[in-house]
Amino acid sequence: MPACRFYPRGPLVKKTILCIVGARPNFMKIAPIIPALRNISIELNPYLVHTGQHYDAEMKDTFFDQLGIPEPDIDLGVGSGSHAVQTAEVMRCFEPVIDEYDPAAVLVVGDVNSTIACALVAVKKGIPVIHVEAGLRSGDRTMPEEINRVLTDQISDLLFTTEADALLNLKREGIDETRVHFVGNVMIDTLLNNQSRAVPPVDTIGTEYAHFATGERGYALVTSHRPANVDDPVVLKGLIETIVDVSKRIPVVFPIHPRTRAAIETAGLDGLLDRDSICCLKPLTYLNMLGLMASARMVLTDSGGIQEETTALGVPCITLRDSTERPITVDSGTNTIVGLDRDKIFAAVDLVLASGGKVGQVPEFWDGKAAIRIAEIIRDWLGLESEGQVA
């Protein structure tokens, strides 16, 4: 059982907010929020809590450094485990942090296990919960993330949404709309803040595959890590075979998630990907991945965050899932849902190659200012003075 640990830094100010990160998707969401909260009022002090749910230390350190996220004030060091074990460990380790800091609120982002775990501890302690990225629904209760989203929203006092229609989901679930604020997408804040720093694709894929980035057809970027796609060896084999067939149409760049790589090796599928038309990579840093996405001819993915990022970048996205919790990327953006249906996948790929694919538009409030809106609402909600107004 891991030892829980945390490190207070200096005296607490009048209003402390504990901001939670646990896994890689959280890093991009918290990056613009911390400085926005610090700048909005000298009465407000955000403390960053890293649960350690994402246990790859090198990946964590790289993301924190690239995105300018301060070192965590509190590091719980929970590590990996089943959903039940991980959630329970986060709760066990986070409770003494609540007791030590007595925060004005706990702010959670997204839908990972750390999100619901810390929200549960807070609400049971009578501490208000703030949920950033509320109201997203895929309708698929077999996804652990969907359960985390629904439950977190039910116990949150302040809910920030990335798209206007998310309010409809929350109202259907009986949540008072006065607690809900449409502010935009903090993931896009991070993207816009770092777009000029993105690593050129050639520097990421190396000289052996440099022609992927400079060739007339360009390349397709592929990511996949969802349990439904990679945990079943039969399903995974079908997905890998589909990727191979896509690479006969357009070169493929495939950064392989650790979960996916382990599944591929266990199933003995490594050899299928060993071909000149596929560039397999280790997991990438944020700036490397951003560079690959921005320059890709198309992206095939099962990641929710990448659906949003491709819409913001105007890059065609082909989603390897049967549903999405981010419908605005389909309704307004560049996203097409195809599941694992080979005919639908190839039709979507061929459409991009023939005509450029789906043309979308950037959704409302995906303008790089979502974190500022969040900070202003939290300041007013807590009854604090604006920066520079306190005597």
Protein backbone atom coordinates (compact mmCIF):
# COMPACT_ATOMS: atom_id res chain seq x y z
CA MET A 1 0.00 0.00 0.00
CA PRO A 2 1.55 3.36 -1.00
CA ALA A 3 2.41 5.91 1.63
CA CYS A 4 0.31 9.07 1.40
CA ARG A 5 2.37 12.22 1.54
CA PHE A 6 1.87 15.93 1.17
CA TYR A 7 3.97 19.00 1.62
CA PRO A 8 2.41 22.28 2.82
CA ARG A 9 4.06 25.39 1.38
CA GLY A 10 3.84 28.45 3.56
CA PRO A 11 0.86 29.84 5.46
CA LEU A 12 -2.63 29.37 4.12
CA VAL A 13 -4.44 32.46 2.94
CA LYS A 14 -8.07 33.35 3.47
CA LYS A 15 -9.48 31.19 0.68
CA THR A 16 -7.67 28.06 -0.47
CA ILE A 17 -8.82 25.92 -3.39
CA LEU A 18 -7.37 22.45 -3.79
CA CYS A 19 -7.00 21.76 -7.52
CA ILE A 20 -6.80 18.08 -8.41
CA VAL A 21 -4.87 16.36 -11.19
CA GLY A 22 -4.48 12.62 -11.49
CA ALA A 23 -3.81 11.51 -15.06
CA ARG A 24 -2.39 12.82 -18.31
CA PRO A 25 -5.66 14.39 -19.63
CA ASN A 26 -5.91 16.45 -16.44
CA PHE A 27 -2.56 18.16 -17.02
CA MET A 28 -3.74 20.03 -20.11
CA LYS A 29 -6.92 21.10 -18.33
CA ILE A 30 -5.33 22.37 -15.13
CA ALA A 31 -2.47 24.22 -16.85
CA PRO A 32 -4.41 27.44 -17.62
CA ILE A 33 -6.59 27.27 -14.48
CA ILE A 34 -3.84 27.59 -11.87
CA PRO A 35 -2.44 30.92 -13.16
CA ALA A 36 -5.93 32.27 -13.80
CA LEU A 37 -6.91 31.63 -10.19
CA ARG A 38 -3.68 33.13 -8.89
CA ASN A 39 -4.14 36.28 -10.93
CA ILE A 40 -7.82 36.88 -10.22
CA SER A 41 -7.61 37.85 -6.52
CA ILE A 42 -4.89 38.12 -3.88
CA GLU A 43 -7.40 36.61 -1.43
CA LEU A 44 -7.42 33.35 -3.40
CA ASN A 45 -4.74 30.68 -3.22
CA PRO A 46 -4.88 27.56 -5.42
CA TYR A 47 -2.95 24.54 -4.18
CA LEU A 48 -2.14 21.83 -6.71
CA VAL A 49 -2.77 18.24 -5.64
CA HIS A 50 -1.34 15.42 -7.75
CA THR A 51 -2.90 12.10 -6.77
CA GLY A 52 -0.32 10.09 -8.69
CA GLN A 53 -3.00 8.13 -10.56
CA HIS A 54 -0.82 8.58 -13.65
CA TYR A 55 2.24 6.81 -12.31
CA ASP A 56 4.73 7.36 -15.15
CA ALA A 57 7.05 9.84 -13.41
CA GLU A 58 8.91 10.76 -16.59
CA MET A 59 5.67 11.54 -18.42
CA LYS A 60 4.35 13.59 -15.52
CA ASP A 61 7.54 15.59 -15.17
CA THR A 62 7.72 16.26 -18.92
CA PHE A 63 4.13 17.47 -19.09
CA PHE A 64 4.51 19.71 -16.05
CA ASP A 65 7.67 21.25 -17.50
CA GLN A 66 6.30 21.76 -21.03
CA LEU A 67 2.98 23.23 -19.89
CA GLY A 68 4.43 25.44 -17.21
CA ILE A 69 2.50 23.71 -14.44
CA PRO A 70 4.04 24.36 -11.00
CA GLU A 71 5.32 21.42 -9.03
CA PRO A 72 2.48 19.95 -6.97
CA ASP A 73 2.08 21.33 -3.49
CA ILE A 74 0.74 17.91 -2.55
CA ASP A 75 1.72 14.57 -4.08
CA LEU A 76 -0.29 11.56 -2.94
CA GLY A 77 1.72 8.98 -4.91
CA VAL A 78 -1.21 6.59 -5.30
CA GLY A 79 -0.07 4.77 -8.46
CA SER A 80 -1.84 2.13 -10.48
CA GLY A 81 -4.50 -0.41 -9.57
CA SER A 82 -7.98 -1.53 -10.50
CA HIS A 83 -10.68 1.12 -10.67
CA ALA A 84 -11.91 0.18 -7.18
CA VAL A 85 -8.44 0.02 -5.62
CA GLN A 86 -7.26 3.24 -7.24
CA THR A 87 -10.40 5.18 -6.31
CA ALA A 88 -10.24 3.91 -2.74
CA GLU A 89 -6.53 4.78 -2.39
CA VAL A 90 -7.09 8.31 -3.67
CA MET A 91 -9.92 8.77 -1.16
CA ARG A 92 -7.85 7.38 1.70
CA CYS A 93 -4.90 9.61 0.92
CA PHE A 94 -6.89 12.73 0.13
CA GLU A 95 -8.94 12.83 3.35
CA PRO A 96 -6.06 14.00 5.60
CA VAL A 97 -5.26 16.69 3.02
CA ILE A 98 -8.79 18.07 3.41
CA ASP A 99 -8.36 18.00 7.19
CA GLU A 100 -5.00 19.78 6.99
CA TYR A 101 -5.98 22.52 4.55
CA ASP A 102 -9.68 23.09 5.30
CA PRO A 103 -10.18 24.50 1.78
CA ALA A 104 -12.92 26.81 0.60
CA ALA A 105 -13.49 24.40 -2.29
CA VAL A 106 -12.06 21.42 -4.17
CA LEU A 107 -11.73 21.83 -7.93
CA VAL A 108 -11.70 18.70 -10.09
CA VAL A 109 -11.35 18.41 -13.86
CA GLY A 110 -12.46 15.81 -16.38
CA ASP A 111 -13.60 12.29 -15.61
CA VAL A 112 -10.74 10.13 -14.30
CA ASN A 113 -10.85 8.11 -11.08
CA SER A 114 -9.14 10.91 -9.15
CA THR A 115 -11.95 13.26 -10.17
CA ILE A 116 -14.75 11.29 -8.52
CA ALA A 117 -12.58 10.11 -5.61
CA CYS A 118 -11.57 13.61 -4.47
CA ALA A 119 -15.06 14.97 -5.11
CA LEU A 120 -16.55 12.25 -2.88
CA VAL A 121 -14.14 12.98 -0.04
CA ALA A 122 -14.83 16.71 -0.29
CA VAL A 123 -18.61 16.47 -0.30
CA LYS A 124 -18.62 14.05 2.64
CA LYS A 125 -16.51 16.59 4.53
CA GLY A 126 -18.90 19.42 3.69
CA ILE A 127 -16.45 21.08 1.27
CA PRO A 128 -17.93 22.55 -1.95
CA VAL A 129 -16.93 20.81 -5.18
CA ILE A 130 -16.19 22.61 -8.46
CA HIS A 131 -16.26 20.48 -11.62
CA VAL A 132 -14.57 21.72 -14.77
CA GLU A 133 -15.80 19.96 -17.93
CA ALA A 134 -19.22 19.10 -16.55
CA GLY A 135 -22.24 17.79 -18.43
CA LEU A 136 -20.46 15.68 -21.06
CA ARG A 137 -22.32 12.43 -21.76
CA SER A 138 -21.66 9.57 -24.18
CA GLY A 139 -24.70 7.57 -23.06
CA ASP A 140 -22.43 4.54 -22.67
CA ARG A 141 -22.51 3.38 -19.05
CA THR A 142 -19.97 0.64 -19.80
CA MET A 143 -17.29 3.36 -19.87
CA PRO A 144 -15.84 3.99 -16.37
CA GLU A 145 -15.40 7.64 -17.35
CA GLU A 146 -19.13 8.00 -17.95
CA ILE A 147 -19.89 6.83 -14.42
CA ASN A 148 -17.30 9.25 -13.05
CA ARG A 149 -18.86 12.14 -15.03
CA VAL A 150 -22.41 11.49 -13.90
CA LEU A 151 -21.57 11.02 -10.24
CA THR A 152 -19.19 13.99 -10.05
CA ASP A 153 -21.78 16.32 -11.55
CA GLN A 154 -24.41 15.14 -9.07
CA ILE A 155 -22.31 16.14 -6.06
CA SER A 156 -20.78 19.34 -7.47
CA ASP A 157 -21.78 22.80 -6.29
CA LEU A 158 -20.37 24.69 -9.28
CA LEU A 159 -20.32 23.15 -12.75
CA PHE A 160 -18.42 24.55 -15.73
CA THR A 161 -19.35 23.31 -19.21
CA THR A 162 -17.39 23.28 -22.45
CA GLU A 163 -20.42 23.48 -24.75
CA ALA A 164 -23.86 25.02 -24.37
CA ASP A 165 -25.77 21.77 -24.92
CA ALA A 166 -24.15 20.18 -21.87
CA LEU A 167 -26.71 22.08 -19.79
CA LEU A 168 -29.45 19.92 -21.31
CA ASN A 169 -27.77 16.77 -19.99
CA LEU A 170 -27.46 18.27 -16.52
CA LYS A 171 -31.07 19.50 -16.41
CA ARG A 172 -32.31 16.03 -17.44
CA GLU A 173 -30.45 14.68 -14.41
CA GLY A 174 -32.12 17.16 -12.07
CA ILE A 175 -29.22 19.55 -11.58
CA ASP A 176 -30.17 23.16 -10.85
CA GLU A 177 -29.14 25.25 -13.83
CA THR A 178 -28.13 28.13 -11.57
CA ARG A 179 -25.10 26.03 -10.58
CA VAL A 180 -24.05 25.61 -14.22
CA HIS A 181 -21.88 28.04 -16.20
CA PHE A 182 -20.96 27.75 -19.87
CA VAL A 183 -17.36 28.96 -20.04
CA GLY A 184 -15.72 27.14 -22.96
CA ASN A 185 -12.91 24.61 -23.10
CA VAL A 186 -9.74 24.87 -21.02
CA MET A 187 -8.11 22.18 -23.19
CA ILE A 188 -8.28 24.67 -26.05
CA ASP A 189 -6.76 27.36 -23.81
CA THR A 190 -3.73 25.12 -23.46
CA LEU A 191 -3.64 24.29 -27.16
CA LEU A 192 -3.75 27.94 -28.24
CA ASN A 193 -1.19 28.93 -25.62
CA ASN A 194 1.27 26.33 -26.90
CA GLN A 195 0.55 26.08 -30.62
CA SER A 196 3.54 28.20 -31.58
CA ARG A 197 5.80 25.93 -29.50
CA ALA A 198 4.66 22.66 -31.11
CA VAL A 199 7.48 20.36 -32.22
CA PRO A 200 7.69 19.95 -36.03
CA PRO A 201 6.57 16.44 -37.13
CA VAL A 202 9.94 15.61 -38.73
CA ASP A 203 11.66 16.12 -35.37
CA THR A 204 9.24 13.66 -33.76
CA ILE A 205 9.11 10.86 -36.33
CA GLY A 206 12.83 10.97 -37.24
CA THR A 207 14.74 10.87 -40.48
CA GLU A 208 13.70 7.32 -41.39
CA TYR A 209 10.08 8.43 -41.74
CA ALA A 210 10.66 12.08 -42.63
CA HIS A 211 9.01 11.50 -46.01
CA PHE A 212 5.70 10.96 -44.18
CA ALA A 213 5.68 14.64 -43.24
CA THR A 214 6.91 15.93 -46.58
CA GLY A 215 5.09 13.59 -48.98
CA GLU A 216 2.14 14.64 -51.12
CA ARG A 217 -0.37 12.45 -49.26
CA GLY A 218 0.80 13.49 -45.81
CA TYR A 219 0.14 11.08 -42.96
CA ALA A 220 -2.65 9.81 -40.73
CA LEU A 221 -2.09 10.07 -36.99
CA VAL A 222 -3.54 7.12 -35.05
CA THR A 223 -4.10 6.75 -31.28
CA SER A 224 -6.02 4.12 -29.36
CA HIS A 225 -6.13 3.22 -25.69
CA ARG A 226 -9.77 2.61 -24.71
CA PRO A 227 -10.31 -0.75 -22.97
CA ALA A 228 -13.13 -1.62 -25.39
CA ASN A 229 -10.68 -1.33 -28.28
CA VAL A 230 -7.49 -2.82 -26.90
CA ASP A 231 -8.24 -5.23 -24.04
CA ASP A 232 -9.91 -7.98 -26.11
CA PRO A 233 -7.25 -9.69 -28.28
CA VAL A 234 -9.76 -10.41 -31.06
CA VAL A 235 -10.97 -6.81 -31.20
CA LEU A 236 -7.41 -5.53 -30.98
CA LYS A 237 -6.29 -7.78 -33.84
CA GLY A 238 -9.09 -6.41 -36.00
CA LEU A 239 -8.10 -2.85 -35.11
CA ILE A 240 -4.42 -3.46 -35.92
CA GLU A 241 -5.36 -5.06 -39.25
CA THR A 242 -7.50 -2.02 -40.03
CA ILE A 243 -4.60 0.31 -39.24
CA VAL A 244 -2.40 -1.73 -41.57
CA ASP A 245 -4.98 -1.41 -44.36
CA VAL A 246 -5.27 2.34 -43.73
CA SER A 247 -1.49 2.56 -44.15
CA LYS A 248 -1.89 1.19 -47.70
CA ARG A 249 -3.87 4.36 -48.47
CA ILE A 250 -1.83 6.87 -46.47
CA PRO A 251 1.27 6.58 -44.26
CA VAL A 252 0.42 6.10 -40.58
CA VAL A 253 2.11 7.57 -37.50
CA PHE A 254 1.11 5.54 -34.44
CA PRO A 255 2.24 6.70 -30.96
CA ILE A 256 1.40 3.63 -28.90
CA HIS A 257 -0.09 4.06 -25.42
CA PRO A 258 1.55 1.84 -22.75
CA ARG A 259 -1.74 -0.04 -22.21
CA THR A 260 -2.05 -0.66 -25.94
CA ARG A 261 1.58 -1.69 -26.37
CA ALA A 262 1.27 -4.22 -23.54
CA ALA A 263 -1.89 -5.64 -25.11
CA ILE A 264 -0.24 -5.87 -28.54
CA GLU A 265 2.78 -7.68 -27.11
CA THR A 266 0.64 -10.05 -25.05
CA ALA A 267 -1.45 -10.92 -28.10
CA GLY A 268 1.66 -11.40 -30.24
CA LEU A 269 0.57 -8.78 -32.77
CA ASP A 270 3.85 -6.84 -32.92
CA GLY A 271 4.77 -8.17 -36.34
CA LEU A 272 1.64 -6.80 -38.00
CA LEU A 273 2.86 -3.25 -37.47
CA ASP A 274 6.36 -3.91 -38.77
CA ARG A 275 6.11 -2.26 -42.18
CA ASP A 276 7.52 0.75 -43.99
CA SER A 277 4.14 2.51 -44.15
CA ILE A 278 3.71 2.67 -40.34
CA CYS A 279 5.85 4.69 -37.94
CA CYS A 280 5.37 3.34 -34.41
CA LEU A 281 6.39 5.68 -31.60
CA LYS A 282 6.60 5.65 -27.83
CA PRO A 283 4.14 7.89 -25.91
CA LEU A 284 4.77 11.51 -26.78
CA THR A 285 5.05 14.74 -24.86
CA TYR A 286 2.33 17.32 -25.30
CA LEU A 287 4.28 19.55 -27.68
CA ASN A 288 5.34 16.62 -29.85
CA MET A 289 1.77 15.35 -30.07
CA LEU A 290 0.46 18.82 -30.81
CA GLY A 291 2.89 19.17 -33.70
CA LEU A 292 1.83 15.82 -35.16
CA MET A 293 -1.88 16.63 -34.84
CA ALA A 294 -1.63 20.10 -36.34
CA SER A 295 0.17 18.82 -39.44
CA ALA A 296 -1.72 15.54 -39.93
CA ARG A 297 -3.90 14.94 -43.01
CA MET A 298 -6.32 13.21 -40.65
CA VAL A 299 -6.46 11.70 -37.15
CA LEU A 300 -7.97 8.33 -36.21
CA THR A 301 -8.52 8.06 -32.46
CA ASP A 302 -10.64 6.87 -29.55
CA SER A 303 -9.56 9.80 -27.35
CA GLY A 304 -12.14 12.37 -26.28
CA GLY A 305 -9.57 15.11 -25.84
CA ILE A 306 -8.14 14.59 -29.32
CA GLN A 307 -11.64 14.94 -30.78
CA GLU A 308 -11.72 18.43 -29.27
CA GLU A 309 -8.19 19.36 -30.25
CA THR A 310 -8.63 18.32 -33.89
CA THR A 311 -11.82 20.38 -34.09
CA ALA A 312 -9.93 23.41 -32.76
CA LEU A 313 -7.12 22.78 -35.25
CA GLY A 314 -9.46 22.15 -38.20
CA VAL A 315 -8.01 18.67 -38.79
CA PRO A 316 -10.40 15.87 -39.87
CA CYS A 317 -10.97 13.40 -37.03
CA ILE A 318 -12.23 9.83 -37.44
CA THR A 319 -13.36 8.50 -34.07
CA LEU A 320 -12.96 4.77 -33.44
CA ARG A 321 -15.89 4.59 -31.03
CA ASP A 322 -19.63 4.12 -31.40
CA SER A 323 -20.49 7.25 -29.40
CA THR A 324 -18.94 10.43 -28.10
CA GLU A 325 -19.43 12.56 -25.00
CA ARG A 326 -18.36 15.53 -27.09
CA PRO A 327 -21.14 15.81 -29.71
CA ILE A 328 -20.23 19.38 -30.61
CA THR A 329 -17.12 18.01 -32.34
CA VAL A 330 -19.47 16.11 -34.65
CA ASP A 331 -22.26 18.69 -34.98
CA SER A 332 -19.99 21.71 -35.49
CA GLY A 333 -16.46 20.36 -35.73
CA THR A 334 -14.38 18.05 -37.88
CA ASN A 335 -15.25 14.78 -36.15
CA THR A 336 -16.88 11.70 -37.72
CA ILE A 337 -17.94 8.71 -35.59
CA VAL A 338 -17.25 5.34 -37.22
CA GLY A 339 -16.67 2.84 -34.41
CA LEU A 340 -14.57 -0.14 -35.50
CA ASP A 341 -16.61 -0.75 -38.66
CA ARG A 342 -13.96 -1.28 -41.33
CA ASP A 343 -16.18 -0.09 -44.19
CA LYS A 344 -17.02 3.14 -42.34
CA ILE A 345 -13.38 3.72 -41.44
CA PHE A 346 -12.16 3.27 -45.01
CA ALA A 347 -15.01 5.42 -46.37
CA ALA A 348 -14.07 8.23 -43.97
CA VAL A 349 -10.37 7.92 -44.84
CA ASP A 350 -11.10 7.91 -48.57
CA LEU A 351 -13.33 10.98 -48.21
CA VAL A 352 -10.49 12.93 -46.58
CA LEU A 353 -8.06 11.82 -49.26
CA ALA A 354 -10.48 12.72 -52.06
CA SER A 355 -11.92 16.02 -50.88
CA GLY A 356 -10.22 17.05 -47.65
CA GLY A 357 -12.94 15.58 -45.46
CA LYS A 358 -15.34 17.23 -43.11
CA VAL A 359 -15.03 20.99 -42.73
CA GLY A 360 -16.00 22.25 -39.30
CA GLN A 361 -15.93 25.40 -37.27
CA VAL A 362 -14.49 26.23 -33.87
CA PRO A 363 -17.25 26.09 -31.22
CA GLU A 364 -18.34 29.08 -29.17
CA PHE A 365 -15.97 30.10 -26.36
CA TRP A 366 -13.17 27.84 -27.58
CA ASP A 367 -11.13 31.00 -27.73
CA GLY A 368 -8.37 30.54 -25.16
CA LYS A 369 -10.18 32.43 -22.39
CA ALA A 370 -12.12 29.67 -20.64
CA ALA A 371 -9.83 29.59 -17.59
CA ILE A 372 -10.22 33.34 -17.10
CA ARG A 373 -14.01 32.98 -17.15
CA ILE A 374 -13.78 30.16 -14.62
CA ALA A 375 -11.56 32.19 -12.28
CA GLU A 376 -13.87 35.22 -12.44
CA ILE A 377 -16.93 33.14 -11.58
CA ILE A 378 -15.15 31.40 -8.70
CA ARG A 379 -13.95 34.77 -7.35
CA ASP A 380 -17.47 36.17 -7.38
CA TRP A 381 -18.96 32.91 -6.02
CA LEU A 382 -16.59 33.10 -3.04
CA GLY A 383 -17.27 36.82 -2.58
CA LEU A 384 -13.65 37.86 -3.06
CA GLU A 385 -12.22 41.16 -4.21
CA SER A 386 -10.59 41.48 -7.61
CA GLU A 387 -6.81 41.56 -7.92
CA GLY A 388 -5.47 44.89 -6.70
CA GLN A 389 -8.67 45.87 -4.88
CA VAL A 390 -7.76 44.48 -1.48
CA ALA A 391 -6.34 46.97 0.99
